[in-house]
Amino acid sequence: MTNYIEPLAQESTPSIIADKLRKAIGHGELKPGTQLGEADLARKLGVSRGPLREGMQRLTQEGLLVAIRNRGLFVVDMTPDDVRDMYLAREAVERAAARKILQGGYAAAGQTLIDIVTEMAAAWTPAAVGELDIEFHETLVRLAASPRLARMHQTFITETRMCIHALEETYSASEVRIEEHLALATAIQQGDASLTDQLLVAHMDDAITRLTNR
């Protein structure tokens, strides 16, 4: 397992620190409900407390950390209600990204996404499938070439990883997941805006059902 809480190899800045912590949260190194101690984190990252506080404040603004009065700073818990709310926001971002893609070079974009699905089908482990699942959606938004959509999506993807780690018993890898991604990528490749939108909504609804087991 990759450790994200380790000394920085380059000059530390709040943005670099925030990215390190975001990855540690997303990959389960800092689990939901974990209390963050400034002294311990500063030592592990090899930074002073000033930039660390700024980095943690960024994640608090993103909703990944929560400050509890008289107790400290904690990694947010992802409840079933949080899962539903996060996917509602993700759906809005990804539907917007898909619309933007379909206004331009959708055939090439669709093929790029199909290539990722091909890797998913060949993956050996559920963890590998899960990472390629996330790569698919990150690529979808990146292909829209919208910095603002990408910036918003970054937080949602971290929360998605948190959901999968916390609720992985209801989110196993399956052929259904691969089929859903292939259908979506093919619809984009063919330039079918209506079908793409329908499939994206259905895909998000299915993820909510699997993650909340409802």
N, C-alpha and C. Protein backbone atom coordinates (compact mmCIF):
# COMPACT_ATOMS: atom_id res chain seq x y z
N MET A 1 0.85 -1.19 0.00
CA MET A 1 0.00 0.00 0.00
C MET A 1 0.88 1.25 0.00
N THR A 2 0.57 2.23 -0.86
CA THR A 2 1.33 3.47 -0.93
C THR A 2 1.06 4.31 0.30
N ASN A 3 2.11 4.86 0.91
CA ASN A 3 1.96 5.76 2.03
C ASN A 3 2.02 7.19 1.52
N TYR A 4 0.98 7.96 1.79
CA TYR A 4 0.95 9.35 1.35
C TYR A 4 1.40 10.30 2.45
N ILE A 5 1.35 9.84 3.73
CA ILE A 5 1.82 10.66 4.83
C ILE A 5 3.29 10.33 5.07
N GLU A 6 4.14 11.03 4.33
CA GLU A 6 5.58 10.82 4.43
C GLU A 6 6.26 12.14 4.05
N PRO A 7 7.54 12.31 4.36
CA PRO A 7 8.20 13.57 4.04
C PRO A 7 8.07 13.95 2.57
N LEU A 8 7.87 15.24 2.32
CA LEU A 8 7.74 15.72 0.96
C LEU A 8 9.10 15.77 0.29
N ALA A 9 9.13 15.39 -0.97
CA ALA A 9 10.40 15.33 -1.70
C ALA A 9 10.73 16.67 -2.35
N GLN A 10 9.85 17.65 -2.23
CA GLN A 10 10.09 18.95 -2.83
C GLN A 10 9.66 20.03 -1.85
N GLU A 11 9.91 21.27 -2.20
CA GLU A 11 9.54 22.38 -1.31
C GLU A 11 8.07 22.31 -0.96
N SER A 12 7.77 22.35 0.33
CA SER A 12 6.39 22.19 0.76
C SER A 12 5.61 23.48 0.59
N THR A 13 4.38 23.35 0.14
CA THR A 13 3.44 24.45 0.02
C THR A 13 2.10 23.92 0.49
N PRO A 14 1.16 24.82 0.87
CA PRO A 14 -0.16 24.35 1.29
C PRO A 14 -0.86 23.48 0.25
N SER A 15 -0.68 23.80 -1.03
CA SER A 15 -1.35 23.01 -2.07
C SER A 15 -0.78 21.60 -2.17
N ILE A 16 0.54 21.48 -2.01
CA ILE A 16 1.16 20.16 -2.05
C ILE A 16 0.72 19.34 -0.83
N ILE A 17 0.70 19.99 0.32
CA ILE A 17 0.26 19.32 1.54
C ILE A 17 -1.18 18.88 1.41
N ALA A 18 -2.04 19.76 0.89
CA ALA A 18 -3.45 19.42 0.72
C ALA A 18 -3.61 18.22 -0.21
N ASP A 19 -2.79 18.17 -1.27
CA ASP A 19 -2.88 17.05 -2.20
C ASP A 19 -2.44 15.75 -1.55
N LYS A 20 -1.38 15.81 -0.74
CA LYS A 20 -0.91 14.62 -0.01
C LYS A 20 -2.01 14.10 0.91
N LEU A 21 -2.62 15.01 1.67
CA LEU A 21 -3.67 14.60 2.61
C LEU A 21 -4.90 14.10 1.88
N ARG A 22 -5.23 14.74 0.77
CA ARG A 22 -6.40 14.32 -0.02
C ARG A 22 -6.21 12.88 -0.52
N LYS A 23 -5.02 12.57 -1.00
CA LYS A 23 -4.74 11.22 -1.47
C LYS A 23 -4.75 10.22 -0.32
N ALA A 24 -4.21 10.62 0.82
CA ALA A 24 -4.20 9.73 1.99
C ALA A 24 -5.62 9.42 2.44
N ILE A 25 -6.50 10.41 2.38
CA ILE A 25 -7.91 10.19 2.73
C ILE A 25 -8.59 9.30 1.70
N GLY A 26 -8.38 9.62 0.42
CA GLY A 26 -9.04 8.85 -0.64
C GLY A 26 -8.63 7.39 -0.68
N HIS A 27 -7.38 7.11 -0.35
CA HIS A 27 -6.88 5.73 -0.43
C HIS A 27 -6.93 5.00 0.91
N GLY A 28 -7.57 5.61 1.90
CA GLY A 28 -7.81 4.90 3.16
C GLY A 28 -6.68 4.93 4.15
N GLU A 29 -5.61 5.68 3.87
CA GLU A 29 -4.52 5.77 4.85
C GLU A 29 -4.98 6.59 6.07
N LEU A 30 -5.78 7.62 5.79
CA LEU A 30 -6.47 8.37 6.84
C LEU A 30 -7.94 8.01 6.74
N LYS A 31 -8.41 7.19 7.63
CA LYS A 31 -9.76 6.64 7.52
C LYS A 31 -10.82 7.62 8.03
N PRO A 32 -12.08 7.44 7.57
CA PRO A 32 -13.16 8.29 8.07
C PRO A 32 -13.21 8.28 9.60
N GLY A 33 -13.37 9.47 10.17
CA GLY A 33 -13.44 9.59 11.63
C GLY A 33 -12.11 9.77 12.31
N THR A 34 -11.00 9.65 11.56
CA THR A 34 -9.66 9.80 12.15
C THR A 34 -9.41 11.25 12.58
N GLN A 35 -8.90 11.42 13.78
CA GLN A 35 -8.53 12.76 14.23
C GLN A 35 -7.12 13.09 13.75
N LEU A 36 -6.96 14.30 13.24
CA LEU A 36 -5.66 14.72 12.73
C LEU A 36 -4.94 15.56 13.78
N GLY A 37 -3.74 15.13 14.15
CA GLY A 37 -2.93 15.88 15.09
C GLY A 37 -1.88 16.67 14.35
N GLU A 38 -1.83 17.97 14.56
CA GLU A 38 -0.89 18.82 13.83
C GLU A 38 0.55 18.40 14.03
N ALA A 39 0.93 18.14 15.29
CA ALA A 39 2.33 17.82 15.58
C ALA A 39 2.75 16.54 14.86
N ASP A 40 1.89 15.52 14.91
CA ASP A 40 2.22 14.24 14.29
C ASP A 40 2.29 14.36 12.78
N LEU A 41 1.32 15.06 12.17
CA LEU A 41 1.32 15.21 10.72
C LEU A 41 2.50 16.06 10.25
N ALA A 42 2.79 17.12 10.99
CA ALA A 42 3.92 17.98 10.61
C ALA A 42 5.22 17.18 10.62
N ARG A 43 5.36 16.31 11.62
CA ARG A 43 6.57 15.47 11.71
C ARG A 43 6.63 14.48 10.55
N LYS A 44 5.52 13.82 10.26
CA LYS A 44 5.51 12.81 9.19
C LYS A 44 5.73 13.43 7.82
N LEU A 45 5.19 14.62 7.60
CA LEU A 45 5.34 15.28 6.30
C LEU A 45 6.63 16.08 6.21
N GLY A 46 7.26 16.33 7.35
CA GLY A 46 8.49 17.11 7.35
C GLY A 46 8.27 18.57 7.03
N VAL A 47 7.16 19.12 7.55
CA VAL A 47 6.82 20.52 7.27
C VAL A 47 6.54 21.24 8.58
N SER A 48 6.49 22.57 8.51
CA SER A 48 6.13 23.35 9.68
C SER A 48 4.60 23.40 9.80
N ARG A 49 4.14 23.85 10.96
CA ARG A 49 2.70 23.83 11.21
C ARG A 49 1.93 24.87 10.41
N GLY A 50 2.58 25.97 10.04
CA GLY A 50 1.89 27.02 9.29
C GLY A 50 1.33 26.52 7.96
N PRO A 51 2.20 26.02 7.05
CA PRO A 51 1.69 25.48 5.78
C PRO A 51 0.74 24.29 5.98
N LEU A 52 0.99 23.48 7.02
CA LEU A 52 0.12 22.35 7.29
C LEU A 52 -1.30 22.82 7.61
N ARG A 53 -1.39 23.85 8.46
CA ARG A 53 -2.71 24.38 8.81
C ARG A 53 -3.43 24.90 7.56
N GLU A 54 -2.68 25.58 6.68
CA GLU A 54 -3.29 26.09 5.45
C GLU A 54 -3.78 24.94 4.56
N GLY A 55 -2.98 23.89 4.46
CA GLY A 55 -3.38 22.74 3.66
C GLY A 55 -4.61 22.07 4.22
N MET A 56 -4.67 21.91 5.54
CA MET A 56 -5.83 21.28 6.17
C MET A 56 -7.06 22.17 6.04
N GLN A 57 -6.86 23.48 6.06
CA GLN A 57 -8.00 24.39 5.89
C GLN A 57 -8.62 24.22 4.51
N ARG A 58 -7.79 23.98 3.49
CA ARG A 58 -8.32 23.75 2.15
C ARG A 58 -9.22 22.52 2.12
N LEU A 59 -8.80 21.47 2.80
CA LEU A 59 -9.60 20.26 2.82
C LEU A 59 -10.85 20.44 3.67
N THR A 60 -10.79 21.30 4.67
CA THR A 60 -11.99 21.61 5.45
C THR A 60 -13.00 22.33 4.56
N GLN A 61 -12.52 23.24 3.73
CA GLN A 61 -13.40 23.96 2.81
C GLN A 61 -14.00 23.01 1.76
N GLU A 62 -13.24 21.99 1.39
CA GLU A 62 -13.75 21.00 0.43
C GLU A 62 -14.73 20.03 1.07
N GLY A 63 -14.77 19.98 2.41
CA GLY A 63 -15.67 19.07 3.09
C GLY A 63 -15.07 17.73 3.42
N LEU A 64 -13.75 17.56 3.19
CA LEU A 64 -13.10 16.28 3.48
C LEU A 64 -12.68 16.19 4.94
N LEU A 65 -12.47 17.35 5.57
CA LEU A 65 -12.16 17.41 6.99
C LEU A 65 -13.25 18.23 7.68
N VAL A 66 -13.49 17.92 8.94
CA VAL A 66 -14.49 18.66 9.71
C VAL A 66 -13.90 19.04 11.07
N ALA A 67 -14.10 20.29 11.45
CA ALA A 67 -13.62 20.77 12.75
C ALA A 67 -14.74 20.63 13.77
N ILE A 68 -14.47 19.91 14.85
CA ILE A 68 -15.44 19.74 15.94
C ILE A 68 -14.96 20.54 17.13
N ARG A 69 -15.81 21.45 17.57
CA ARG A 69 -15.43 22.37 18.63
C ARG A 69 -14.95 21.63 19.89
N ASN A 70 -13.84 22.11 20.41
CA ASN A 70 -13.24 21.57 21.64
C ASN A 70 -12.71 20.14 21.48
N ARG A 71 -12.71 19.63 20.26
CA ARG A 71 -12.20 18.28 20.04
C ARG A 71 -11.07 18.24 19.02
N GLY A 72 -11.20 18.99 17.93
CA GLY A 72 -10.15 18.99 16.94
C GLY A 72 -10.66 18.80 15.53
N LEU A 73 -9.75 18.38 14.65
CA LEU A 73 -10.04 18.22 13.22
C LEU A 73 -10.09 16.74 12.89
N PHE A 74 -11.13 16.32 12.14
CA PHE A 74 -11.35 14.91 11.84
C PHE A 74 -11.62 14.71 10.35
N VAL A 75 -11.26 13.52 9.86
CA VAL A 75 -11.67 13.10 8.52
C VAL A 75 -13.17 12.85 8.56
N VAL A 76 -13.88 13.39 7.58
CA VAL A 76 -15.34 13.28 7.59
C VAL A 76 -15.77 11.82 7.41
N ASP A 77 -16.87 11.44 8.04
CA ASP A 77 -17.47 10.11 7.84
C ASP A 77 -18.38 10.16 6.63
N MET A 78 -18.44 9.06 5.87
CA MET A 78 -19.34 8.99 4.71
C MET A 78 -20.51 8.07 5.07
N THR A 79 -21.63 8.66 5.45
CA THR A 79 -22.84 7.91 5.74
C THR A 79 -23.59 7.64 4.44
N PRO A 80 -24.59 6.77 4.46
CA PRO A 80 -25.39 6.56 3.24
C PRO A 80 -25.98 7.86 2.69
N ASP A 81 -26.40 8.77 3.56
CA ASP A 81 -26.92 10.06 3.09
C ASP A 81 -25.83 10.87 2.41
N ASP A 82 -24.61 10.81 2.94
CA ASP A 82 -23.48 11.50 2.31
C ASP A 82 -23.19 10.90 0.94
N VAL A 83 -23.29 9.58 0.83
CA VAL A 83 -23.05 8.91 -0.45
C VAL A 83 -24.04 9.41 -1.49
N ARG A 84 -25.31 9.46 -1.11
CA ARG A 84 -26.33 9.91 -2.06
C ARG A 84 -26.10 11.37 -2.48
N ASP A 85 -25.74 12.21 -1.52
CA ASP A 85 -25.53 13.63 -1.82
C ASP A 85 -24.30 13.81 -2.71
N MET A 86 -23.23 13.06 -2.42
CA MET A 86 -22.02 13.17 -3.22
C MET A 86 -22.28 12.74 -4.66
N TYR A 87 -23.03 11.64 -4.85
CA TYR A 87 -23.30 11.19 -6.21
C TYR A 87 -24.23 12.14 -6.95
N LEU A 88 -25.10 12.84 -6.23
CA LEU A 88 -25.94 13.86 -6.85
C LEU A 88 -25.05 14.95 -7.46
N ALA A 89 -24.04 15.36 -6.69
CA ALA A 89 -23.12 16.40 -7.17
C ALA A 89 -22.24 15.86 -8.30
N ARG A 90 -21.75 14.64 -8.14
CA ARG A 90 -20.92 14.04 -9.19
C ARG A 90 -21.70 13.91 -10.50
N GLU A 91 -22.96 13.52 -10.37
CA GLU A 91 -23.80 13.38 -11.56
C GLU A 91 -23.90 14.70 -12.31
N ALA A 92 -24.09 15.79 -11.59
CA ALA A 92 -24.21 17.10 -12.23
C ALA A 92 -22.93 17.45 -12.98
N VAL A 93 -21.77 17.21 -12.35
CA VAL A 93 -20.50 17.53 -12.98
C VAL A 93 -20.26 16.65 -14.21
N GLU A 94 -20.48 15.36 -14.09
CA GLU A 94 -20.17 14.45 -15.19
C GLU A 94 -21.15 14.59 -16.36
N ARG A 95 -22.40 14.91 -16.06
CA ARG A 95 -23.35 15.16 -17.15
C ARG A 95 -22.95 16.41 -17.92
N ALA A 96 -22.50 17.43 -17.19
CA ALA A 96 -22.03 18.65 -17.84
C ALA A 96 -20.79 18.37 -18.68
N ALA A 97 -19.87 17.57 -18.14
CA ALA A 97 -18.66 17.22 -18.89
C ALA A 97 -19.00 16.45 -20.16
N ALA A 98 -19.92 15.51 -20.05
CA ALA A 98 -20.31 14.72 -21.23
C ALA A 98 -20.93 15.62 -22.30
N ARG A 99 -21.77 16.57 -21.89
CA ARG A 99 -22.36 17.49 -22.87
C ARG A 99 -21.28 18.28 -23.61
N LYS A 100 -20.27 18.72 -22.84
CA LYS A 100 -19.17 19.48 -23.47
C LYS A 100 -18.41 18.59 -24.45
N ILE A 101 -18.13 17.36 -24.07
CA ILE A 101 -17.41 16.44 -24.97
C ILE A 101 -18.18 16.23 -26.26
N LEU A 102 -19.48 16.07 -26.14
CA LEU A 102 -20.32 15.77 -27.31
C LEU A 102 -20.48 16.96 -28.25
N GLN A 103 -19.97 18.11 -27.84
CA GLN A 103 -19.98 19.27 -28.73
C GLN A 103 -18.72 19.34 -29.59
N GLY A 104 -17.79 18.42 -29.33
CA GLY A 104 -16.52 18.47 -30.06
C GLY A 104 -16.08 17.11 -30.57
N GLY A 105 -14.83 16.73 -30.21
CA GLY A 105 -14.27 15.48 -30.72
C GLY A 105 -14.71 14.27 -29.93
N TYR A 106 -15.99 13.97 -30.00
CA TYR A 106 -16.54 12.89 -29.17
C TYR A 106 -16.08 11.50 -29.58
N ALA A 107 -15.79 11.29 -30.87
CA ALA A 107 -15.38 9.96 -31.31
C ALA A 107 -14.05 9.56 -30.65
N ALA A 108 -13.08 10.47 -30.67
CA ALA A 108 -11.78 10.18 -30.07
C ALA A 108 -11.92 10.05 -28.55
N ALA A 109 -12.73 10.89 -27.96
CA ALA A 109 -12.94 10.83 -26.51
C ALA A 109 -13.57 9.49 -26.13
N GLY A 110 -14.55 9.07 -26.90
CA GLY A 110 -15.20 7.79 -26.62
C GLY A 110 -14.24 6.63 -26.72
N GLN A 111 -13.34 6.68 -27.71
CA GLN A 111 -12.36 5.60 -27.86
C GLN A 111 -11.39 5.58 -26.68
N THR A 112 -11.01 6.75 -26.19
CA THR A 112 -10.14 6.82 -25.02
C THR A 112 -10.80 6.13 -23.83
N LEU A 113 -12.08 6.37 -23.66
CA LEU A 113 -12.83 5.75 -22.55
C LEU A 113 -13.00 4.25 -22.77
N ILE A 114 -13.21 3.84 -24.01
CA ILE A 114 -13.32 2.41 -24.32
C ILE A 114 -12.02 1.69 -24.00
N ASP A 115 -10.90 2.34 -24.26
CA ASP A 115 -9.60 1.74 -23.95
C ASP A 115 -9.46 1.47 -22.44
N ILE A 116 -9.99 2.37 -21.62
CA ILE A 116 -9.95 2.17 -20.17
C ILE A 116 -10.84 1.00 -19.78
N VAL A 117 -11.99 0.88 -20.42
CA VAL A 117 -12.89 -0.24 -20.13
C VAL A 117 -12.22 -1.56 -20.49
N THR A 118 -11.47 -1.57 -21.59
CA THR A 118 -10.72 -2.77 -21.98
C THR A 118 -9.74 -3.18 -20.88
N GLU A 119 -9.08 -2.19 -20.28
CA GLU A 119 -8.18 -2.48 -19.16
C GLU A 119 -8.96 -3.01 -17.96
N MET A 120 -10.14 -2.46 -17.72
CA MET A 120 -10.98 -2.94 -16.62
C MET A 120 -11.31 -4.41 -16.79
N ALA A 121 -11.66 -4.79 -18.01
CA ALA A 121 -12.05 -6.17 -18.28
C ALA A 121 -10.89 -7.13 -18.08
N ALA A 122 -9.66 -6.62 -18.25
CA ALA A 122 -8.48 -7.48 -18.12
C ALA A 122 -7.88 -7.43 -16.71
N ALA A 123 -8.41 -6.58 -15.86
CA ALA A 123 -7.85 -6.42 -14.50
C ALA A 123 -8.07 -7.69 -13.68
N TRP A 124 -7.09 -7.98 -12.81
CA TRP A 124 -7.11 -9.23 -12.05
C TRP A 124 -7.79 -9.11 -10.70
N THR A 125 -7.81 -7.93 -10.14
CA THR A 125 -8.31 -7.79 -8.77
C THR A 125 -9.42 -6.74 -8.69
N PRO A 126 -10.31 -6.86 -7.70
CA PRO A 126 -11.34 -5.83 -7.50
C PRO A 126 -10.74 -4.44 -7.29
N ALA A 127 -9.59 -4.38 -6.59
CA ALA A 127 -8.95 -3.08 -6.35
C ALA A 127 -8.52 -2.44 -7.66
N ALA A 128 -7.98 -3.26 -8.57
CA ALA A 128 -7.54 -2.74 -9.87
C ALA A 128 -8.73 -2.26 -10.69
N VAL A 129 -9.82 -3.02 -10.65
CA VAL A 129 -11.04 -2.61 -11.36
C VAL A 129 -11.56 -1.29 -10.78
N GLY A 130 -11.53 -1.18 -9.45
CA GLY A 130 -12.00 0.03 -8.81
C GLY A 130 -11.20 1.26 -9.21
N GLU A 131 -9.87 1.11 -9.28
CA GLU A 131 -9.04 2.24 -9.67
C GLU A 131 -9.28 2.63 -11.13
N LEU A 132 -9.50 1.64 -11.99
CA LEU A 132 -9.79 1.94 -13.40
C LEU A 132 -11.18 2.55 -13.55
N ASP A 133 -12.10 2.13 -12.70
CA ASP A 133 -13.43 2.75 -12.65
C ASP A 133 -13.28 4.25 -12.39
N ILE A 134 -12.50 4.58 -11.38
CA ILE A 134 -12.28 5.99 -11.04
C ILE A 134 -11.52 6.71 -12.15
N GLU A 135 -10.53 6.04 -12.74
CA GLU A 135 -9.78 6.64 -13.86
C GLU A 135 -10.72 6.98 -15.01
N PHE A 136 -11.70 6.11 -15.27
CA PHE A 136 -12.67 6.34 -16.34
C PHE A 136 -13.38 7.67 -16.12
N HIS A 137 -13.85 7.88 -14.90
CA HIS A 137 -14.63 9.09 -14.63
C HIS A 137 -13.75 10.34 -14.55
N GLU A 138 -12.53 10.19 -14.04
CA GLU A 138 -11.59 11.31 -14.06
C GLU A 138 -11.27 11.71 -15.50
N THR A 139 -11.09 10.71 -16.36
CA THR A 139 -10.79 10.98 -17.77
C THR A 139 -11.97 11.63 -18.46
N LEU A 140 -13.17 11.16 -18.16
CA LEU A 140 -14.37 11.75 -18.73
C LEU A 140 -14.42 13.25 -18.48
N VAL A 141 -14.16 13.64 -17.24
CA VAL A 141 -14.19 15.06 -16.90
C VAL A 141 -13.00 15.80 -17.50
N ARG A 142 -11.83 15.18 -17.49
CA ARG A 142 -10.65 15.82 -18.08
C ARG A 142 -10.84 16.09 -19.56
N LEU A 143 -11.49 15.17 -20.27
CA LEU A 143 -11.70 15.33 -21.71
C LEU A 143 -12.62 16.50 -22.05
N ALA A 144 -13.38 16.97 -21.06
CA ALA A 144 -14.24 18.12 -21.28
C ALA A 144 -13.45 19.42 -21.31
N ALA A 145 -12.19 19.37 -20.86
CA ALA A 145 -11.31 20.54 -20.87
C ALA A 145 -11.92 21.73 -20.14
N SER A 146 -12.51 21.46 -18.97
CA SER A 146 -13.09 22.51 -18.14
C SER A 146 -12.37 22.49 -16.79
N PRO A 147 -11.49 23.45 -16.53
CA PRO A 147 -10.77 23.47 -15.25
C PRO A 147 -11.69 23.51 -14.04
N ARG A 148 -12.81 24.20 -14.14
CA ARG A 148 -13.71 24.31 -13.00
C ARG A 148 -14.42 22.99 -12.71
N LEU A 149 -14.86 22.32 -13.76
CA LEU A 149 -15.48 21.00 -13.55
C LEU A 149 -14.45 20.04 -12.95
N ALA A 150 -13.23 20.09 -13.46
CA ALA A 150 -12.18 19.19 -12.96
C ALA A 150 -11.87 19.47 -11.50
N ARG A 151 -11.86 20.75 -11.14
CA ARG A 151 -11.56 21.12 -9.76
C ARG A 151 -12.64 20.62 -8.80
N MET A 152 -13.90 20.79 -9.17
CA MET A 152 -15.00 20.29 -8.34
C MET A 152 -14.98 18.77 -8.26
N HIS A 153 -14.70 18.14 -9.40
CA HIS A 153 -14.73 16.68 -9.49
C HIS A 153 -13.66 16.04 -8.61
N GLN A 154 -12.55 16.72 -8.41
CA GLN A 154 -11.44 16.18 -7.62
C GLN A 154 -11.89 15.80 -6.22
N THR A 155 -12.67 16.67 -5.58
CA THR A 155 -13.17 16.38 -4.24
C THR A 155 -14.13 15.20 -4.27
N PHE A 156 -15.01 15.17 -5.26
CA PHE A 156 -16.00 14.08 -5.33
C PHE A 156 -15.32 12.73 -5.54
N ILE A 157 -14.24 12.73 -6.32
CA ILE A 157 -13.53 11.47 -6.56
C ILE A 157 -12.86 10.99 -5.27
N THR A 158 -12.32 11.92 -4.48
CA THR A 158 -11.75 11.53 -3.19
C THR A 158 -12.83 10.92 -2.31
N GLU A 159 -14.00 11.54 -2.29
CA GLU A 159 -15.11 11.01 -1.49
C GLU A 159 -15.58 9.66 -2.04
N THR A 160 -15.52 9.48 -3.35
CA THR A 160 -15.89 8.19 -3.94
C THR A 160 -14.96 7.10 -3.44
N ARG A 161 -13.66 7.40 -3.42
CA ARG A 161 -12.70 6.43 -2.90
C ARG A 161 -12.99 6.12 -1.43
N MET A 162 -13.34 7.14 -0.66
CA MET A 162 -13.68 6.93 0.75
C MET A 162 -14.88 6.00 0.87
N CYS A 163 -15.88 6.21 0.02
CA CYS A 163 -17.08 5.37 0.05
C CYS A 163 -16.73 3.92 -0.24
N ILE A 164 -15.91 3.71 -1.25
CA ILE A 164 -15.56 2.35 -1.66
C ILE A 164 -14.78 1.65 -0.55
N HIS A 165 -13.86 2.38 0.11
CA HIS A 165 -13.10 1.79 1.20
C HIS A 165 -14.00 1.48 2.39
N ALA A 166 -14.89 2.41 2.72
CA ALA A 166 -15.73 2.25 3.90
C ALA A 166 -16.85 1.24 3.70
N LEU A 167 -17.32 1.11 2.45
CA LEU A 167 -18.50 0.28 2.19
C LEU A 167 -18.19 -0.77 1.12
N GLU A 168 -16.94 -1.24 1.10
CA GLU A 168 -16.51 -2.11 0.01
C GLU A 168 -17.25 -3.44 -0.04
N GLU A 169 -17.84 -3.86 1.08
CA GLU A 169 -18.56 -5.14 1.05
C GLU A 169 -19.81 -5.08 0.18
N THR A 170 -20.32 -3.87 -0.08
CA THR A 170 -21.48 -3.73 -0.95
C THR A 170 -21.10 -3.18 -2.32
N TYR A 171 -19.79 -3.10 -2.58
CA TYR A 171 -19.32 -2.50 -3.83
C TYR A 171 -18.28 -3.40 -4.50
N SER A 172 -18.61 -4.64 -4.66
CA SER A 172 -17.67 -5.58 -5.26
C SER A 172 -17.59 -5.38 -6.77
N ALA A 173 -16.46 -5.78 -7.33
CA ALA A 173 -16.29 -5.70 -8.78
C ALA A 173 -17.24 -6.69 -9.45
N SER A 174 -17.77 -6.31 -10.60
CA SER A 174 -18.70 -7.19 -11.30
C SER A 174 -18.69 -6.88 -12.78
N GLU A 175 -19.20 -7.83 -13.55
CA GLU A 175 -19.31 -7.62 -14.98
C GLU A 175 -20.28 -6.48 -15.29
N VAL A 176 -21.25 -6.28 -14.41
CA VAL A 176 -22.22 -5.21 -14.63
C VAL A 176 -21.53 -3.86 -14.70
N ARG A 177 -20.57 -3.64 -13.80
CA ARG A 177 -19.86 -2.37 -13.80
C ARG A 177 -19.13 -2.16 -15.13
N ILE A 178 -18.50 -3.19 -15.64
CA ILE A 178 -17.77 -3.07 -16.90
C ILE A 178 -18.74 -2.82 -18.04
N GLU A 179 -19.87 -3.51 -18.05
CA GLU A 179 -20.87 -3.32 -19.10
C GLU A 179 -21.42 -1.90 -19.10
N GLU A 180 -21.66 -1.36 -17.90
CA GLU A 180 -22.17 0.01 -17.79
C GLU A 180 -21.18 1.01 -18.38
N HIS A 181 -19.91 0.85 -18.05
CA HIS A 181 -18.90 1.77 -18.55
C HIS A 181 -18.73 1.64 -20.07
N LEU A 182 -18.80 0.43 -20.57
CA LEU A 182 -18.67 0.22 -22.02
C LEU A 182 -19.83 0.86 -22.77
N ALA A 183 -21.03 0.69 -22.25
CA ALA A 183 -22.21 1.27 -22.90
C ALA A 183 -22.10 2.80 -22.92
N LEU A 184 -21.63 3.37 -21.82
CA LEU A 184 -21.49 4.82 -21.73
C LEU A 184 -20.43 5.32 -22.70
N ALA A 185 -19.27 4.66 -22.72
CA ALA A 185 -18.19 5.07 -23.62
C ALA A 185 -18.62 4.95 -25.08
N THR A 186 -19.36 3.90 -25.40
CA THR A 186 -19.82 3.70 -26.78
C THR A 186 -20.81 4.78 -27.19
N ALA A 187 -21.71 5.15 -26.29
CA ALA A 187 -22.68 6.20 -26.59
C ALA A 187 -21.97 7.52 -26.86
N ILE A 188 -20.91 7.80 -26.09
CA ILE A 188 -20.14 9.02 -26.32
C ILE A 188 -19.41 8.94 -27.66
N GLN A 189 -18.82 7.80 -27.95
CA GLN A 189 -18.09 7.62 -29.22
C GLN A 189 -19.01 7.83 -30.42
N GLN A 190 -20.26 7.43 -30.28
CA GLN A 190 -21.24 7.55 -31.37
C GLN A 190 -21.93 8.91 -31.40
N GLY A 191 -21.64 9.75 -30.41
CA GLY A 191 -22.23 11.08 -30.38
C GLY A 191 -23.68 11.13 -30.00
N ASP A 192 -24.16 10.12 -29.30
CA ASP A 192 -25.57 10.04 -28.91
C ASP A 192 -25.75 10.76 -27.55
N ALA A 193 -26.14 12.02 -27.61
CA ALA A 193 -26.24 12.84 -26.40
C ALA A 193 -27.33 12.35 -25.46
N SER A 194 -28.49 12.00 -26.01
CA SER A 194 -29.61 11.56 -25.18
C SER A 194 -29.28 10.27 -24.44
N LEU A 195 -28.73 9.30 -25.18
CA LEU A 195 -28.39 8.02 -24.55
C LEU A 195 -27.27 8.20 -23.53
N THR A 196 -26.28 9.01 -23.85
CA THR A 196 -25.19 9.26 -22.91
C THR A 196 -25.73 9.79 -21.59
N ASP A 197 -26.63 10.75 -21.66
CA ASP A 197 -27.18 11.34 -20.45
C ASP A 197 -27.99 10.31 -19.65
N GLN A 198 -28.79 9.53 -20.35
CA GLN A 198 -29.59 8.49 -19.67
C GLN A 198 -28.68 7.48 -18.97
N LEU A 199 -27.63 7.05 -19.65
CA LEU A 199 -26.74 6.04 -19.10
C LEU A 199 -25.96 6.59 -17.90
N LEU A 200 -25.57 7.86 -17.96
CA LEU A 200 -24.85 8.46 -16.83
C LEU A 200 -25.72 8.50 -15.58
N VAL A 201 -26.98 8.91 -15.75
CA VAL A 201 -27.90 8.96 -14.62
C VAL A 201 -28.11 7.57 -14.04
N ALA A 202 -28.33 6.59 -14.92
CA ALA A 202 -28.56 5.22 -14.46
C ALA A 202 -27.31 4.66 -13.77
N HIS A 203 -26.15 5.01 -14.29
CA HIS A 203 -24.88 4.53 -13.71
C HIS A 203 -24.70 5.07 -12.30
N MET A 204 -24.99 6.35 -12.10
CA MET A 204 -24.87 6.94 -10.77
C MET A 204 -25.89 6.33 -9.81
N ASP A 205 -27.10 6.12 -10.29
CA ASP A 205 -28.14 5.51 -9.44
C ASP A 205 -27.73 4.10 -9.01
N ASP A 206 -27.12 3.36 -9.94
CA ASP A 206 -26.69 2.00 -9.62
C ASP A 206 -25.57 2.02 -8.59
N ALA A 207 -24.65 2.98 -8.72
CA ALA A 207 -23.55 3.08 -7.74
C ALA A 207 -24.10 3.38 -6.35
N ILE A 208 -25.08 4.27 -6.27
CA ILE A 208 -25.68 4.60 -4.97
C ILE A 208 -26.31 3.36 -4.37
N THR A 209 -27.02 2.59 -5.18
CA THR A 209 -27.68 1.37 -4.69
C THR A 209 -26.65 0.39 -4.16
N ARG A 210 -25.54 0.19 -4.87
CA ARG A 210 -24.54 -0.76 -4.45
C ARG A 210 -23.80 -0.29 -3.20
N LEU A 211 -23.52 1.01 -3.13
CA LEU A 211 -22.76 1.52 -1.99
C LEU A 211 -23.58 1.65 -0.72
N THR A 212 -24.88 1.88 -0.86
CA THR A 212 -25.73 2.02 0.32
C THR A 212 -26.52 0.74 0.61
N ASN A 213 -26.42 -0.22 -0.34
CA ASN A 213 -27.12 -1.50 -0.21
C ASN A 213 -28.63 -1.28 -0.05
N ARG A 214 -29.15 -0.31 -0.82
CA ARG A 214 -30.58 0.00 -0.78
C ARG A 214 -31.12 0.13 -2.19
